[in-house]
Amino acid sequence: MKKIIGYGELMLRFSQINNLTIKNDSLGTFAGSESNSLCFLSSKGHKCEFVSAFPKNDIGYKAIKYLKSNNINCNIKVDNNKLGVYYTETGQNNQNTKIKYDRKGSSFSKFNLSNEFIENALKDSSYLIITGITPALSKICYKNIFSLVKAAKKKKIKIVYDINYRKNLWSLIDCKNFNLEILKYVDLLFTNSSTLCHVFNITLEKNTNNFFLESENAIKFICKKFKIPFIGLTIRNEKKLSGILFMNHRIFKGDIYDVDQIDRVGAGDTFLAASINGFIKKWDGQKIVTYSTSSFALAHTVHGDVNLFDDSEIELFRKNKSLKNA
């Protein structure tokens, strides 16, 4: 079995919910977009490896222990810098979670990948997961992304990319310029219509009577501008959640869910990972989007970044909560 690689930063998360701070081991919880996806994929039996850097201290070693406890192999550099931290405050009435970062000067942001390291990391790999968060962290990370991606493409490793724009990390113009370049290499793309409108300064037609119209137009925009064979979009419209998928030149729509959203952070990572799981298992497009949308919606109903529900729980949630079944 070939491995799935994730290159990104694992951070320490502290969460404030109703004025209470949720902690684990008196440290908080460990999370990060790429590692969140790997945790889900590993739980489904895939061989996963995380490429990153951690500080040489108790927190760094606990982070490595966390990954290994989720059956993720670690290709890690340790140094004398720090682990990134972020603080979340859950939005009320299904509003966005407020996030504040403290990650400047982290071990990961200073980790310069050598050509030799990249070659070794990519051995026996089939997929490389990256996000648009990483290049915003430092010039070193920006360079690393392209070095990894170009080397991976030469080895015919599929590039999985989530645009994941964070306005508090870099400017829209820098983000747009990066995406115009990186999307030339991407095989499987994940995003949402709102992010596309922000990053590419476009307006997409939408209609309150057609829940999926804006996302369908987002897919058309991507297909016209870039040749990407697989596109997955999450959809959040107030309390309603869903997903849409472009695969084999067809669009597939997920079920619609109406749930009380306890914690939105990491739900998009679940959608990505669930889609990759189905793609690797050669499911048809409708089965993939049904599964990934159910996983995405379920992730909103619990605290924490990582969705480790088994497939029977995901299917039970779909049967009970999908508006299609109501």
C-alpha atoms as a PDB file:
ATOM      1  CA  MET A   1       0.000   0.000   0.000  1.00  0.00           C
ATOM      2  CA  LYS A   2       1.414   3.368  -1.037  1.00  0.00           C
ATOM      3  CA  LYS A   3       1.258   6.196   1.489  1.00  0.00           C
ATOM      4  CA  ILE A   4      -0.626   9.478   1.627  1.00  0.00           C
ATOM      5  CA  ILE A   5       1.597  12.393   2.660  1.00  0.00           C
ATOM      6  CA  GLY A   6       0.444  15.572   4.360  1.00  0.00           C
ATOM      7  CA  TYR A   7       2.769  18.573   4.511  1.00  0.00           C
ATOM      8  CA  GLY A   8       1.666  21.205   7.000  1.00  0.00           C
ATOM      9  CA  GLU A   9       1.807  22.611  10.503  1.00  0.00           C
ATOM     10  CA  LEU A  10       0.382  20.840  13.524  1.00  0.00           C
ATOM     11  CA  MET A  11      -0.596  23.329  16.210  1.00  0.00           C
ATOM     12  CA  LEU A  12      -1.873  23.466  19.746  1.00  0.00           C
ATOM     13  CA  ARG A  13      -5.526  24.505  19.914  1.00  0.00           C
ATOM     14  CA  PHE A  14      -7.217  26.173  22.860  1.00  0.00           C
ATOM     15  CA  SER A  15     -10.990  26.546  22.609  1.00  0.00           C
ATOM     16  CA  GLN A  16     -13.350  28.830  24.467  1.00  0.00           C
ATOM     17  CA  ILE A  17     -16.945  27.629  24.456  1.00  0.00           C
ATOM     18  CA  ASN A  18     -19.544  29.460  26.546  1.00  0.00           C
ATOM     19  CA  ASN A  19     -16.726  31.042  28.587  1.00  0.00           C
ATOM     20  CA  LEU A  20     -15.203  27.640  29.350  1.00  0.00           C
ATOM     21  CA  THR A  21     -11.788  26.626  28.050  1.00  0.00           C
ATOM     22  CA  ILE A  22     -11.680  23.068  26.745  1.00  0.00           C
ATOM     23  CA  LYS A  23      -8.340  21.427  27.441  1.00  0.00           C
ATOM     24  CA  ASN A  24      -6.764  18.013  27.105  1.00  0.00           C
ATOM     25  CA  ASP A  25      -3.795  16.960  29.236  1.00  0.00           C
ATOM     26  CA  SER A  26      -3.694  20.595  30.472  1.00  0.00           C
ATOM     27  CA  LEU A  27      -2.263  21.477  27.057  1.00  0.00           C
ATOM     28  CA  GLY A  28      -5.201  21.888  24.718  1.00  0.00           C
ATOM     29  CA  THR A  29      -5.696  19.710  21.656  1.00  0.00           C
ATOM     30  CA  PHE A  30      -3.446  19.227  18.647  1.00  0.00           C
ATOM     31  CA  ALA A  31      -4.821  20.099  15.219  1.00  0.00           C
ATOM     32  CA  GLY A  32      -4.028  21.364  11.747  1.00  0.00           C
ATOM     33  CA  SER A  33      -5.741  21.067   8.376  1.00  0.00           C
ATOM     34  CA  GLU A  34      -3.428  18.489   6.839  1.00  0.00           C
ATOM     35  CA  SER A  35      -3.082  16.398  10.008  1.00  0.00           C
ATOM     36  CA  ASN A  36      -6.866  16.482  10.524  1.00  0.00           C
ATOM     37  CA  SER A  37      -7.347  14.925   7.092  1.00  0.00           C
ATOM     38  CA  LEU A  38      -4.633  12.327   7.708  1.00  0.00           C
ATOM     39  CA  CYS A  39      -6.256  11.288  11.001  1.00  0.00           C
ATOM     40  CA  PHE A  40      -9.529  10.576   9.186  1.00  0.00           C
ATOM     41  CA  LEU A  41      -7.792   8.696   6.361  1.00  0.00           C
ATOM     42  CA  SER A  42      -5.677   6.657   8.760  1.00  0.00           C
ATOM     43  CA  SER A  43      -8.812   5.618  10.640  1.00  0.00           C
ATOM     44  CA  LYS A  44     -10.117   4.214   7.340  1.00  0.00           C
ATOM     45  CA  GLY A  45      -7.074   2.004   6.912  1.00  0.00           C
ATOM     46  CA  HIS A  46      -4.869   4.161   4.695  1.00  0.00           C
ATOM     47  CA  LYS A  47      -1.116   4.429   5.245  1.00  0.00           C
ATOM     48  CA  CYS A  48      -0.402   8.059   6.158  1.00  0.00           C
ATOM     49  CA  GLU A  49       2.688  10.149   6.855  1.00  0.00           C
ATOM     50  CA  PHE A  50       3.019  13.699   8.145  1.00  0.00           C
ATOM     51  CA  VAL A  51       5.894  15.937   7.053  1.00  0.00           C
ATOM     52  CA  SER A  52       6.483  18.797   9.478  1.00  0.00           C
ATOM     53  CA  ALA A  53       8.736  20.255  12.173  1.00  0.00           C
ATOM     54  CA  PHE A  54       8.302  20.433  15.952  1.00  0.00           C
ATOM     55  CA  PRO A  55      10.215  21.985  18.835  1.00  0.00           C
ATOM     56  CA  LYS A  56      12.584  19.872  20.890  1.00  0.00           C
ATOM     57  CA  ASN A  57      10.549  20.049  24.100  1.00  0.00           C
ATOM     58  CA  ASP A  58       7.703  18.304  25.912  1.00  0.00           C
ATOM     59  CA  ILE A  59       5.032  19.950  23.766  1.00  0.00           C
ATOM     60  CA  GLY A  60       6.762  18.905  20.554  1.00  0.00           C
ATOM     61  CA  TYR A  61       7.143  15.337  21.765  1.00  0.00           C
ATOM     62  CA  LYS A  62       3.481  15.225  22.829  1.00  0.00           C
ATOM     63  CA  ALA A  63       2.538  16.396  19.328  1.00  0.00           C
ATOM     64  CA  ILE A  64       4.501  13.524  17.805  1.00  0.00           C
ATOM     65  CA  LYS A  65       2.871  11.129  20.260  1.00  0.00           C
ATOM     66  CA  TYR A  66      -0.541  12.453  19.207  1.00  0.00           C
ATOM     67  CA  LEU A  67       0.163  11.689  15.539  1.00  0.00           C
ATOM     68  CA  LYS A  68       1.474   8.220  16.301  1.00  0.00           C
ATOM     69  CA  SER A  69      -1.580   7.493  18.449  1.00  0.00           C
ATOM     70  CA  ASN A  70      -3.608   8.087  15.274  1.00  0.00           C
ATOM     71  CA  ASN A  71      -1.399   5.644  13.324  1.00  0.00           C
ATOM     72  CA  ILE A  72       0.321   8.400  11.346  1.00  0.00           C
ATOM     73  CA  ASN A  73       4.004   7.977  10.555  1.00  0.00           C
ATOM     74  CA  CYS A  74       6.125  11.033  11.316  1.00  0.00           C
ATOM     75  CA  ASN A  75       8.754  12.484   9.006  1.00  0.00           C
ATOM     76  CA  ILE A  76       9.656  15.235  11.426  1.00  0.00           C
ATOM     77  CA  LYS A  77      12.482  17.660  12.076  1.00  0.00           C
ATOM     78  CA  VAL A  78      12.952  18.874  15.661  1.00  0.00           C
ATOM     79  CA  ASP A  79      14.608  22.189  16.524  1.00  0.00           C
ATOM     80  CA  ASN A  80      14.770  24.852  19.229  1.00  0.00           C
ATOM     81  CA  ASN A  81      11.897  27.047  18.031  1.00  0.00           C
ATOM     82  CA  LYS A  82       8.223  26.689  19.046  1.00  0.00           C
ATOM     83  CA  LEU A  83       4.962  24.987  18.199  1.00  0.00           C
ATOM     84  CA  GLY A  84       2.288  27.177  16.642  1.00  0.00           C
ATOM     85  CA  VAL A  85      -0.791  27.883  18.753  1.00  0.00           C
ATOM     86  CA  TYR A  86      -4.290  28.997  17.873  1.00  0.00           C
ATOM     87  CA  TYR A  87      -7.242  30.067  19.951  1.00  0.00           C
ATOM     88  CA  THR A  88     -10.866  29.559  18.944  1.00  0.00           C
ATOM     89  CA  GLU A  89     -14.110  31.022  20.164  1.00  0.00           C
ATOM     90  CA  THR A  90     -17.162  29.194  18.889  1.00  0.00           C
ATOM     91  CA  GLY A  91     -19.596  31.415  16.990  1.00  0.00           C
ATOM     92  CA  GLN A  92     -23.120  31.682  18.324  1.00  0.00           C
ATOM     93  CA  ASN A  93     -26.179  30.696  16.248  1.00  0.00           C
ATOM     94  CA  ASN A  94     -24.113  28.854  13.605  1.00  0.00           C
ATOM     95  CA  GLN A  95     -21.826  31.831  12.938  1.00  0.00           C
ATOM     96  CA  ASN A  96     -18.145  31.534  12.022  1.00  0.00           C
ATOM     97  CA  THR A  97     -15.704  30.450  14.709  1.00  0.00           C
ATOM     98  CA  LYS A  98     -13.333  33.258  15.702  1.00  0.00           C
ATOM     99  CA  ILE A  99      -9.697  32.201  15.344  1.00  0.00           C
ATOM    100  CA  LYS A 100      -6.541  33.910  16.589  1.00  0.00           C
ATOM    101  CA  TYR A 101      -3.090  32.570  15.689  1.00  0.00           C
ATOM    102  CA  ASP A 102       0.245  32.639  17.481  1.00  0.00           C
ATOM    103  CA  ARG A 103       2.455  30.811  15.001  1.00  0.00           C
ATOM    104  CA  LYS A 104       5.053  33.346  13.822  1.00  0.00           C
ATOM    105  CA  GLY A 105       8.557  31.912  14.128  1.00  0.00           C
ATOM    106  CA  SER A 106       7.320  28.352  14.610  1.00  0.00           C
ATOM    107  CA  SER A 107       9.522  25.348  13.941  1.00  0.00           C
ATOM    108  CA  PHE A 108       7.457  24.522  10.878  1.00  0.00           C
ATOM    109  CA  SER A 109       7.717  27.988   9.351  1.00  0.00           C
ATOM    110  CA  LYS A 110      11.529  27.761   9.531  1.00  0.00           C
ATOM    111  CA  PHE A 111      11.829  24.202   8.199  1.00  0.00           C
ATOM    112  CA  ASN A 112      13.671  24.389   4.857  1.00  0.00           C
ATOM    113  CA  LEU A 113      13.114  21.182   2.871  1.00  0.00           C
ATOM    114  CA  SER A 114      16.235  19.983   1.086  1.00  0.00           C
ATOM    115  CA  ASN A 115      16.022  18.157  -2.242  1.00  0.00           C
ATOM    116  CA  GLU A 116      17.303  15.015  -0.524  1.00  0.00           C
ATOM    117  CA  PHE A 117      14.622  15.245   2.171  1.00  0.00           C
ATOM    118  CA  ILE A 118      11.900  15.714  -0.458  1.00  0.00           C
ATOM    119  CA  GLU A 119      13.069  12.724  -2.474  1.00  0.00           C
ATOM    120  CA  ASN A 120      13.017  10.499   0.597  1.00  0.00           C
ATOM    121  CA  ALA A 121       9.629  11.802   1.752  1.00  0.00           C
ATOM    122  CA  LEU A 122       8.001  11.116  -1.604  1.00  0.00           C
ATOM    123  CA  LYS A 123       9.158   7.504  -1.855  1.00  0.00           C
ATOM    124  CA  ASP A 124       6.292   5.020  -2.156  1.00  0.00           C
ATOM    125  CA  SER A 125       3.712   7.823  -2.076  1.00  0.00           C
ATOM    126  CA  SER A 126       0.514   8.111  -4.087  1.00  0.00           C
ATOM    127  CA  TYR A 127      -1.023  11.372  -2.799  1.00  0.00           C
ATOM    128  CA  LEU A 128       0.320  14.652  -1.418  1.00  0.00           C
ATOM    129  CA  ILE A 129      -2.071  16.785   0.662  1.00  0.00           C
ATOM    130  CA  ILE A 130      -1.327  20.515   0.895  1.00  0.00           C
ATOM    131  CA  THR A 131      -3.374  23.613   1.751  1.00  0.00           C
ATOM    132  CA  GLY A 132      -3.279  27.327   1.030  1.00  0.00           C
ATOM    133  CA  ILE A 133      -2.555  28.008   4.681  1.00  0.00           C
ATOM    134  CA  THR A 134       1.036  26.784   4.448  1.00  0.00           C
ATOM    135  CA  PRO A 135       2.545  29.203   1.871  1.00  0.00           C
ATOM    136  CA  ALA A 136       1.191  32.133   3.904  1.00  0.00           C
ATOM    137  CA  LEU A 137       3.353  31.233   6.911  1.00  0.00           C
ATOM    138  CA  SER A 138       6.801  32.148   5.555  1.00  0.00           C
ATOM    139  CA  LYS A 139       8.890  32.492   2.409  1.00  0.00           C
ATOM    140  CA  ILE A 140      10.458  29.166   3.312  1.00  0.00           C
ATOM    141  CA  CYS A 141       7.054  27.438   3.367  1.00  0.00           C
ATOM    142  CA  TYR A 142       6.113  29.110   0.083  1.00  0.00           C
ATOM    143  CA  LYS A 143       9.244  27.729  -1.559  1.00  0.00           C
ATOM    144  CA  ASN A 144       8.804  24.293   0.047  1.00  0.00           C
ATOM    145  CA  ILE A 145       5.302  23.909  -1.397  1.00  0.00           C
ATOM    146  CA  PHE A 146       6.452  24.340  -4.978  1.00  0.00           C
ATOM    147  CA  SER A 147       9.537  22.174  -4.474  1.00  0.00           C
ATOM    148  CA  LEU A 148       7.365  19.370  -3.096  1.00  0.00           C
ATOM    149  CA  VAL A 149       4.666  19.698  -5.724  1.00  0.00           C
ATOM    150  CA  LYS A 150       7.023  19.807  -8.697  1.00  0.00           C
ATOM    151  CA  ALA A 151       8.945  16.780  -7.420  1.00  0.00           C
ATOM    152  CA  ALA A 152       5.675  14.922  -6.748  1.00  0.00           C
ATOM    153  CA  LYS A 153       4.330  15.595 -10.243  1.00  0.00           C
ATOM    154  CA  LYS A 154       7.467  14.096 -11.765  1.00  0.00           C
ATOM    155  CA  LYS A 155       6.727  10.927  -9.805  1.00  0.00           C
ATOM    156  CA  LYS A 156       3.051  10.999 -10.884  1.00  0.00           C
ATOM    157  CA  ILE A 157       1.907  11.528  -7.296  1.00  0.00           C
ATOM    158  CA  LYS A 158      -1.542  13.127  -7.199  1.00  0.00           C
ATOM    159  CA  ILE A 159      -1.718  16.602  -5.668  1.00  0.00           C
ATOM    160  CA  VAL A 160      -4.619  17.195  -3.279  1.00  0.00           C
ATOM    161  CA  TYR A 161      -5.110  20.895  -2.518  1.00  0.00           C
ATOM    162  CA  ASP A 162      -7.510  22.890  -0.344  1.00  0.00           C
ATOM    163  CA  ILE A 163      -7.412  26.650  -1.048  1.00  0.00           C
ATOM    164  CA  ASN A 164      -8.260  27.317   2.623  1.00  0.00           C
ATOM    165  CA  TYR A 165      -7.807  31.099   2.478  1.00  0.00           C
ATOM    166  CA  ARG A 166      -7.114  32.744   5.856  1.00  0.00           C
ATOM    167  CA  LYS A 167      -7.370  36.530   5.685  1.00  0.00           C
ATOM    168  CA  ASN A 168      -5.452  36.968   8.955  1.00  0.00           C
ATOM    169  CA  LEU A 169      -2.397  35.217   7.498  1.00  0.00           C
ATOM    170  CA  TRP A 170      -1.804  36.969   4.167  1.00  0.00           C
ATOM    171  CA  SER A 171      -3.271  39.372   1.637  1.00  0.00           C
ATOM    172  CA  LEU A 172      -5.808  38.546  -1.044  1.00  0.00           C
ATOM    173  CA  ILE A 173      -3.413  39.535  -3.826  1.00  0.00           C
ATOM    174  CA  ASP A 174      -0.665  37.246  -2.509  1.00  0.00           C
ATOM    175  CA  CYS A 175      -3.163  34.441  -2.116  1.00  0.00           C
ATOM    176  CA  LYS A 176      -4.507  34.950  -5.648  1.00  0.00           C
ATOM    177  CA  ASN A 177      -1.025  34.970  -7.190  1.00  0.00           C
ATOM    178  CA  PHE A 178      -0.131  31.768  -5.368  1.00  0.00           C
ATOM    179  CA  ASN A 179      -3.318  30.042  -6.486  1.00  0.00           C
ATOM    180  CA  LEU A 180      -2.914  31.065 -10.107  1.00  0.00           C
ATOM    181  CA  GLU A 181       0.378  29.174 -10.067  1.00  0.00           C
ATOM    182  CA  ILE A 182      -0.342  26.183  -7.812  1.00  0.00           C
ATOM    183  CA  LEU A 183      -3.637  25.256  -9.493  1.00  0.00           C
ATOM    184  CA  LYS A 184      -1.689  24.304 -12.617  1.00  0.00           C
ATOM    185  CA  TYR A 185      -0.398  21.272 -10.718  1.00  0.00           C
ATOM    186  CA  VAL A 186      -3.505  20.194  -8.788  1.00  0.00           C
ATOM    187  CA  ASP A 187      -5.317  16.892  -9.422  1.00  0.00           C
ATOM    188  CA  LEU A 188      -7.953  17.091  -6.686  1.00  0.00           C
ATOM    189  CA  LEU A 189      -9.157  20.513  -5.559  1.00  0.00           C
ATOM    190  CA  PHE A 190     -11.248  21.417  -2.500  1.00  0.00           C
ATOM    191  CA  THR A 191     -12.748  24.788  -1.654  1.00  0.00           C
ATOM    192  CA  ASN A 192     -16.111  26.589  -1.463  1.00  0.00           C
ATOM    193  CA  SER A 193     -17.829  29.223  -3.598  1.00  0.00           C
ATOM    194  CA  SER A 194     -17.280  32.008  -1.064  1.00  0.00           C
ATOM    195  CA  THR A 195     -13.516  31.430  -1.011  1.00  0.00           C
ATOM    196  CA  LEU A 196     -13.366  31.442  -4.812  1.00  0.00           C
ATOM    197  CA  CYS A 197     -15.261  34.737  -4.964  1.00  0.00           C
ATOM    198  CA  HIS A 198     -12.850  36.334  -2.459  1.00  0.00           C
ATOM    199  CA  VAL A 199      -9.618  34.985  -3.917  1.00  0.00           C
ATOM    200  CA  PHE A 200     -10.409  35.578  -7.593  1.00  0.00           C
ATOM    201  CA  ASN A 201     -12.559  38.706  -7.091  1.00  0.00           C
ATOM    202  CA  ILE A 202     -15.539  37.279  -8.946  1.00  0.00           C
ATOM    203  CA  THR A 203     -19.295  37.229  -8.458  1.00  0.00           C
ATOM    204  CA  LEU A 204     -21.165  33.981  -8.995  1.00  0.00           C
ATOM    205  CA  GLU A 205     -24.867  33.838  -9.751  1.00  0.00           C
ATOM    206  CA  LYS A 206     -26.952  32.374  -6.945  1.00  0.00           C
ATOM    207  CA  ASN A 207     -30.620  31.814  -6.339  1.00  0.00           C
ATOM    208  CA  THR A 208     -32.403  31.279  -3.033  1.00  0.00           C
ATOM    209  CA  ASN A 209     -34.596  28.691  -4.757  1.00  0.00           C
ATOM    210  CA  ASN A 210     -31.600  26.672  -5.972  1.00  0.00           C
ATOM    211  CA  PHE A 211     -29.373  25.644  -3.069  1.00  0.00           C
ATOM    212  CA  PHE A 212     -26.570  24.402  -5.339  1.00  0.00           C
ATOM    213  CA  LEU A 213     -26.529  27.070  -8.074  1.00  0.00           C
ATOM    214  CA  GLU A 214     -23.646  29.195  -6.767  1.00  0.00           C
ATOM    215  CA  SER A 215     -21.471  26.110  -6.207  1.00  0.00           C
ATOM    216  CA  GLU A 216     -22.298  24.752  -9.670  1.00  0.00           C
ATOM    217  CA  ASN A 217     -21.200  28.079 -11.144  1.00  0.00           C
ATOM    218  CA  ALA A 218     -18.018  27.909  -9.046  1.00  0.00           C
ATOM    219  CA  ILE A 219     -17.208  24.542 -10.622  1.00  0.00           C
ATOM    220  CA  LYS A 220     -17.825  25.973 -14.090  1.00  0.00           C
ATOM    221  CA  PHE A 221     -15.460  28.855 -13.297  1.00  0.00           C
ATOM    222  CA  ILE A 222     -12.705  26.468 -12.186  1.00  0.00           C
ATOM    223  CA  CYS A 223     -13.158  24.162 -15.173  1.00  0.00           C
ATOM    224  CA  LYS A 224     -12.964  27.069 -17.593  1.00  0.00           C
ATOM    225  CA  LYS A 225      -9.795  28.478 -16.028  1.00  0.00           C
ATOM    226  CA  PHE A 226      -7.957  25.303 -14.976  1.00  0.00           C
ATOM    227  CA  LYS A 227      -7.898  21.671 -16.070  1.00  0.00           C
ATOM    228  CA  ILE A 228      -8.640  19.970 -12.763  1.00  0.00           C
ATOM    229  CA  PRO A 229     -10.394  16.573 -13.072  1.00  0.00           C
ATOM    230  CA  PHE A 230     -11.736  16.336  -9.505  1.00  0.00           C
ATOM    231  CA  ILE A 231     -13.309  19.244  -7.607  1.00  0.00           C
ATOM    232  CA  GLY A 232     -15.089  19.110  -4.262  1.00  0.00           C
ATOM    233  CA  LEU A 233     -16.927  22.072  -2.719  1.00  0.00           C
ATOM    234  CA  THR A 234     -18.486  22.335   0.712  1.00  0.00           C
ATOM    235  CA  ILE A 235     -21.645  24.415   1.089  1.00  0.00           C
ATOM    236  CA  ARG A 236     -22.734  26.347   4.163  1.00  0.00           C
ATOM    237  CA  ASN A 237     -25.912  28.376   3.904  1.00  0.00           C
ATOM    238  CA  GLU A 238     -26.928  29.539   7.376  1.00  0.00           C
ATOM    239  CA  LYS A 239     -27.810  26.298   9.207  1.00  0.00           C
ATOM    240  CA  LYS A 240     -27.972  24.182   6.052  1.00  0.00           C
ATOM    241  CA  LEU A 241     -24.942  22.171   4.966  1.00  0.00           C
ATOM    242  CA  SER A 242     -24.075  20.136   1.891  1.00  0.00           C
ATOM    243  CA  GLY A 243     -21.398  19.404  -0.679  1.00  0.00           C
ATOM    244  CA  ILE A 244     -20.989  19.132  -4.427  1.00  0.00           C
ATOM    245  CA  LEU A 245     -18.520  17.189  -6.536  1.00  0.00           C
ATOM    246  CA  PHE A 246     -17.171  17.359 -10.076  1.00  0.00           C
ATOM    247  CA  MET A 247     -15.787  14.050 -11.345  1.00  0.00           C
ATOM    248  CA  ASN A 248     -15.617  12.329 -14.739  1.00  0.00           C
ATOM    249  CA  HIS A 249     -16.997  15.514 -16.331  1.00  0.00           C
ATOM    250  CA  ARG A 250     -20.182  15.292 -14.231  1.00  0.00           C
ATOM    251  CA  ILE A 251     -21.546  17.162 -11.215  1.00  0.00           C
ATOM    252  CA  PHE A 252     -22.836  15.199  -8.216  1.00  0.00           C
ATOM    253  CA  LYS A 253     -24.791  16.730  -5.332  1.00  0.00           C
ATOM    254  CA  GLY A 254     -24.780  15.653  -1.700  1.00  0.00           C
ATOM    255  CA  ASP A 255     -27.718  15.524   0.682  1.00  0.00           C
ATOM    256  CA  ILE A 256     -28.702  18.701   2.530  1.00  0.00           C
ATOM    257  CA  TYR A 257     -28.448  18.790   6.331  1.00  0.00           C
ATOM    258  CA  ASP A 258     -29.933  21.204   8.846  1.00  0.00           C
ATOM    259  CA  VAL A 259     -28.018  20.828  12.110  1.00  0.00           C
ATOM    260  CA  ASP A 260     -27.006  22.898  15.113  1.00  0.00           C
ATOM    261  CA  GLN A 261     -23.338  23.594  14.474  1.00  0.00           C
ATOM    262  CA  ILE A 262     -21.317  23.052  17.640  1.00  0.00           C
ATOM    263  CA  ASP A 263     -17.824  23.387  16.109  1.00  0.00           C
ATOM    264  CA  ARG A 264     -17.105  24.237  12.463  1.00  0.00           C
ATOM    265  CA  VAL A 265     -13.301  24.038  12.655  1.00  0.00           C
ATOM    266  CA  GLY A 266     -11.921  21.027  10.789  1.00  0.00           C
ATOM    267  CA  ALA A 267     -15.191  20.084   9.080  1.00  0.00           C
ATOM    268  CA  GLY A 268     -13.791  21.003   5.663  1.00  0.00           C
ATOM    269  CA  ASP A 269     -10.782  18.780   6.350  1.00  0.00           C
ATOM    270  CA  THR A 270     -13.206  15.928   6.984  1.00  0.00           C
ATOM    271  CA  PHE A 271     -14.935  16.576   3.643  1.00  0.00           C
ATOM    272  CA  LEU A 272     -11.569  16.451   1.863  1.00  0.00           C
ATOM    273  CA  ALA A 273     -10.446  13.275   3.595  1.00  0.00           C
ATOM    274  CA  ALA A 274     -13.779  11.494   3.111  1.00  0.00           C
ATOM    275  CA  SER A 275     -13.686  12.354  -0.601  1.00  0.00           C
ATOM    276  CA  ILE A 276     -10.132  11.033  -0.943  1.00  0.00           C
ATOM    277  CA  ASN A 277     -11.119   7.858   0.876  1.00  0.00           C
ATOM    278  CA  GLY A 278     -13.911   7.258  -1.639  1.00  0.00           C
ATOM    279  CA  PHE A 279     -11.731   8.233  -4.599  1.00  0.00           C
ATOM    280  CA  ILE A 280      -8.995   5.765  -3.626  1.00  0.00           C
ATOM    281  CA  LYS A 281     -11.603   3.032  -3.163  1.00  0.00           C
ATOM    282  CA  LYS A 282     -12.907   3.803  -6.686  1.00  0.00           C
ATOM    283  CA  TRP A 283     -16.432   4.690  -5.600  1.00  0.00           C
ATOM    284  CA  ASP A 284     -18.675   6.431  -8.106  1.00  0.00           C
ATOM    285  CA  GLY A 285     -19.154  10.175  -7.814  1.00  0.00           C
ATOM    286  CA  GLN A 286     -22.565  10.029  -6.162  1.00  0.00           C
ATOM    287  CA  LYS A 287     -21.411   7.616  -3.474  1.00  0.00           C
ATOM    288  CA  ILE A 288     -18.354   9.780  -2.758  1.00  0.00           C
ATOM    289  CA  VAL A 289     -20.299  13.033  -2.376  1.00  0.00           C
ATOM    290  CA  THR A 290     -23.025  11.369  -0.292  1.00  0.00           C
ATOM    291  CA  TYR A 291     -20.405   9.968   2.083  1.00  0.00           C
ATOM    292  CA  SER A 292     -18.220  13.084   2.239  1.00  0.00           C
ATOM    293  CA  THR A 293     -21.183  15.420   2.768  1.00  0.00           C
ATOM    294  CA  SER A 294     -22.542  13.259   5.581  1.00  0.00           C
ATOM    295  CA  SER A 295     -19.082  13.186   7.194  1.00  0.00           C
ATOM    296  CA  PHE A 296     -18.782  16.968   6.776  1.00  0.00           C
ATOM    297  CA  ALA A 297     -22.162  17.662   8.381  1.00  0.00           C
ATOM    298  CA  LEU A 298     -21.544  15.208  11.226  1.00  0.00           C
ATOM    299  CA  ALA A 299     -18.239  16.945  12.016  1.00  0.00           C
ATOM    300  CA  HIS A 300     -20.186  20.118  12.870  1.00  0.00           C
ATOM    301  CA  THR A 301     -22.050  18.393  15.692  1.00  0.00           C
ATOM    302  CA  VAL A 302     -19.059  17.665  17.969  1.00  0.00           C
ATOM    303  CA  HIS A 303     -16.201  19.662  19.499  1.00  0.00           C
ATOM    304  CA  GLY A 304     -12.732  19.286  18.019  1.00  0.00           C
ATOM    305  CA  ASP A 305     -11.056  19.336  14.615  1.00  0.00           C
ATOM    306  CA  VAL A 306     -10.906  15.612  13.888  1.00  0.00           C
ATOM    307  CA  ASN A 307     -13.772  13.371  12.785  1.00  0.00           C
ATOM    308  CA  LEU A 308     -13.072   9.778  13.811  1.00  0.00           C
ATOM    309  CA  PHE A 309     -16.594   8.402  13.436  1.00  0.00           C
ATOM    310  CA  ASP A 310     -16.732   4.992  11.809  1.00  0.00           C
ATOM    311  CA  ASP A 311     -18.622   4.454   8.561  1.00  0.00           C
ATOM    312  CA  SER A 312     -21.667   2.930  10.246  1.00  0.00           C
ATOM    313  CA  GLU A 313     -22.054   6.066  12.396  1.00  0.00           C
ATOM    314  CA  ILE A 314     -21.674   8.293   9.335  1.00  0.00           C
ATOM    315  CA  GLU A 315     -24.360   6.318   7.495  1.00  0.00           C
ATOM    316  CA  LEU A 316     -26.692   6.334  10.502  1.00  0.00           C
ATOM    317  CA  PHE A 317     -26.309  10.111  10.737  1.00  0.00           C
ATOM    318  CA  ARG A 318     -27.216  10.404   7.040  1.00  0.00           C
ATOM    319  CA  LYS A 319     -30.339   8.302   7.448  1.00  0.00           C
ATOM    320  CA  ASN A 320     -31.468  10.247  10.521  1.00  0.00           C
ATOM    321  CA  LYS A 321     -30.473  13.808   9.630  1.00  0.00           C
ATOM    322  CA  SER A 322     -30.497  14.181   5.847  1.00  0.00           C
ATOM    323  CA  LEU A 323     -33.401  16.392   4.720  1.00  0.00           C
ATOM    324  CA  LYS A 324     -33.743  13.996   1.796  1.00  0.00           C
ATOM    325  CA  ASN A 325     -34.851  11.349   4.280  1.00  0.00           C
ATOM    326  CA  ALA A 326     -37.040  13.676   6.348  1.00  0.00           C
END
